[in-house]
Each structure stands twice: as structure tokens, then as C-alpha cells.
Amino acid sequence: MKKATHILLVDDDEDDRVLFREALSELPHPTKYDEAVDGADALAILQRVKKSLPDFIFLDLNMPKMNGKTLLMAMKNDAELKEIPVIVLTTSTEDNDRQESLQLGAFSFVTKPPTFGDLRRIISSYLFDRT
């Protein structure tokens, strides 16, 4: 049996979290899923699960308390967290957001897709189609 891929989604939008969970549930690979509502919540979760860190983090940029860029900076300054691939999944189409996110250590930058099928394909491409 395949080992479950552990995912942390960091997004303040409840509707987006629901869609992400639904898309994950339709993928043919076991996943362990955690979610956070902002960067501060994500850091608290990451501290709690230090022995079982996520394989991937999907991160929104625009959130209250601690935004995605601030979380990226905090992660990249933590020896245990800096190697986790972070996929920025945001509504932003701004090139400066893309550039800054990548400079801060994001693995990839993706604008949130318009359809559920596109979201499912994006998640699948990052989690399961990589060799």
C-alpha cells in the first residue's frame, strides 16, 4: 500500500478549503490532510507535527494575522521547515507576487484556477505526477 502524502493547506477562505478537500478526496492516492486559516495557525500546526511534517504545503498569499509571504520567510528561516515544498496557490496574477514568492523560497506559484476540474488537475500534478 502506498504511503499517504501529507498535505497542509493554508487559506483563510472556507469555500476554497472545502473545494481543495473535495478535489483531494477524488484523487486516487491516499492523503493525510491538515488545514490552517492563516500563517500563524500554520506555524502552530507545523510546530505540533514536527515529527510528521507535511510533504507539501499549498499556501494562499492574502490572509489576516500572518500572510503567505510572512509565513514563507518564517519557514525558510527554520532548518526543519525550509525544505518543505511550498506551492503558492493564490488569486493574485501579479508578477511581483510571483517573483517575491519564488525569491522567498516557494517551490511554485499558481493562480487559483476557475474550475474544480482544473484545481484537481493542479493538485494531482504537484502531488502525484512528479518523478
Protein backbone atom coordinates (compact mmCIF):
# COMPACT_ATOMS: atom_id res chain seq x y z
CA MET A 1 0.00 0.00 0.00
CA LYS A 2 1.25 3.47 -0.90
CA LYS A 3 2.25 5.81 1.90
CA ALA A 4 -0.19 8.69 2.27
CA THR A 5 1.05 12.05 1.06
CA HIS A 6 0.74 14.62 3.86
CA ILE A 7 -0.61 18.00 2.73
CA LEU A 8 -1.13 21.24 4.61
CA LEU A 9 -3.41 23.83 3.02
CA VAL A 10 -3.08 27.38 4.36
CA ASP A 11 -6.02 29.51 3.21
CA ASP A 12 -8.40 31.85 5.04
CA ASP A 13 -11.26 31.26 2.59
CA GLU A 14 -13.56 28.47 3.83
CA ASP A 15 -15.02 27.88 0.34
CA ASP A 16 -11.53 27.39 -1.09
CA ARG A 17 -10.65 24.94 1.71
CA VAL A 18 -13.83 22.95 1.02
CA LEU A 19 -13.07 22.76 -2.72
CA PHE A 20 -9.48 21.71 -2.01
CA ARG A 21 -10.66 18.92 0.33
CA GLU A 22 -13.17 17.73 -2.27
CA ALA A 23 -10.53 17.72 -5.01
CA LEU A 24 -8.17 15.72 -2.78
CA SER A 25 -10.89 13.19 -2.00
CA GLU A 26 -11.29 12.46 -5.72
CA LEU A 27 -7.62 11.68 -6.28
CA PRO A 28 -6.58 8.00 -6.44
CA HIS A 29 -3.80 8.26 -3.88
CA PRO A 30 -4.04 8.24 -0.08
CA THR A 31 -3.53 11.63 1.52
CA LYS A 32 -3.28 12.97 5.03
CA TYR A 33 -4.69 16.48 5.15
CA ASP A 34 -4.35 19.40 7.55
CA GLU A 35 -5.53 22.94 7.06
CA ALA A 36 -4.76 26.32 8.57
CA VAL A 37 -6.67 29.59 8.30
CA ASP A 38 -3.60 31.86 8.21
CA GLY A 39 0.17 31.84 8.56
CA ALA A 40 0.16 31.97 12.36
CA ASP A 41 -2.20 28.99 12.50
CA ALA A 42 0.05 27.14 10.03
CA LEU A 43 3.17 27.75 12.15
CA ALA A 44 1.35 26.43 15.21
CA ILE A 45 0.34 23.29 13.30
CA LEU A 46 3.87 22.80 11.96
CA GLN A 47 5.29 23.06 15.48
CA ARG A 48 2.80 20.42 16.69
CA VAL A 49 3.58 17.96 13.88
CA LYS A 50 7.38 18.35 13.81
CA LYS A 51 7.81 14.55 13.79
CA SER A 52 5.44 14.22 10.83
CA LEU A 53 5.87 17.34 8.69
CA PRO A 54 3.79 17.69 5.54
CA ASP A 55 5.19 16.59 2.20
CA PHE A 56 3.70 19.69 0.54
CA ILE A 57 2.17 22.98 1.62
CA PHE A 58 -0.35 24.82 -0.54
CA LEU A 59 -0.29 28.45 0.54
CA ASP A 60 -2.56 31.42 -0.10
CA LEU A 61 -0.86 34.84 0.00
CA ASN A 62 -3.59 37.21 1.18
CA MET A 63 -4.67 36.28 4.71
CA PRO A 64 -5.23 38.08 8.01
CA LYS A 65 -2.86 37.85 11.00
CA MET A 66 0.10 36.44 9.05
CA ASN A 67 0.05 36.46 5.25
CA GLY A 68 1.65 33.89 2.97
CA LYS A 69 4.84 35.83 2.31
CA THR A 70 5.49 36.27 6.03
CA LEU A 71 4.93 32.55 6.56
CA LEU A 72 7.35 31.75 3.73
CA MET A 73 10.01 33.93 5.38
CA ALA A 74 9.47 32.24 8.75
CA MET A 75 9.66 28.77 7.20
CA LYS A 76 12.82 29.49 5.25
CA ASN A 77 14.49 30.66 8.48
CA ASP A 78 13.65 27.36 10.22
CA ALA A 79 16.03 24.48 9.49
CA GLU A 80 13.28 21.87 9.88
CA LEU A 81 10.69 23.66 7.76
CA LYS A 82 12.70 25.21 4.95
CA GLU A 83 12.87 22.04 2.85
CA ILE A 84 9.10 21.52 2.63
CA PRO A 85 7.95 22.33 -0.93
CA VAL A 86 5.51 25.26 -0.80
CA ILE A 87 3.14 25.80 -3.71
CA VAL A 88 1.67 29.30 -3.58
CA LEU A 89 -1.97 28.93 -4.66
CA THR A 90 -3.46 32.41 -4.83
CA THR A 91 -5.88 34.66 -6.66
CA SER A 92 -3.02 37.03 -7.44
CA THR A 93 -1.91 37.34 -11.04
CA GLU A 94 0.69 40.00 -10.18
CA ASP A 95 4.19 39.28 -11.47
CA ASN A 96 5.73 40.95 -8.40
CA ASP A 97 3.84 38.50 -6.13
CA ARG A 98 5.17 35.61 -8.24
CA GLN A 99 8.74 36.91 -8.19
CA GLU A 100 8.73 37.70 -4.47
CA SER A 101 7.18 34.33 -3.57
CA LEU A 102 9.81 32.45 -5.56
CA GLN A 103 12.60 34.59 -4.08
CA LEU A 104 11.28 33.78 -0.61
CA GLY A 105 11.64 30.09 -1.39
CA ALA A 106 8.30 28.97 -2.80
CA PHE A 107 8.60 25.85 -4.93
CA SER A 108 5.98 27.13 -7.35
CA PHE A 109 3.41 29.91 -7.86
CA VAL A 110 -0.04 29.09 -9.26
CA THR A 111 -3.05 31.34 -9.73
CA LYS A 112 -6.21 29.68 -8.39
CA PRO A 113 -7.97 28.05 -11.34
CA PRO A 114 -11.50 28.92 -12.44
CA THR A 115 -12.89 25.36 -12.35
CA PHE A 116 -12.96 22.45 -9.93
CA GLY A 117 -11.51 20.12 -12.58
CA ASP A 118 -8.57 22.46 -13.08
CA LEU A 119 -7.95 22.56 -9.32
CA ARG A 120 -7.99 18.75 -9.16
CA ARG A 121 -5.51 18.56 -12.07
CA ILE A 122 -3.19 21.12 -10.43
CA ILE A 123 -3.17 19.27 -7.12
CA SER A 124 -2.60 15.96 -8.86
CA SER A 125 0.26 17.34 -10.95
CA TYR A 126 2.15 18.51 -7.87
CA LEU A 127 1.47 15.55 -5.62
CA PHE A 128 1.43 12.53 -7.85
CA ASP A 129 2.75 13.23 -11.34
CA ARG A 130 6.29 14.17 -10.28
CA THR A 131 9.05 11.64 -10.73
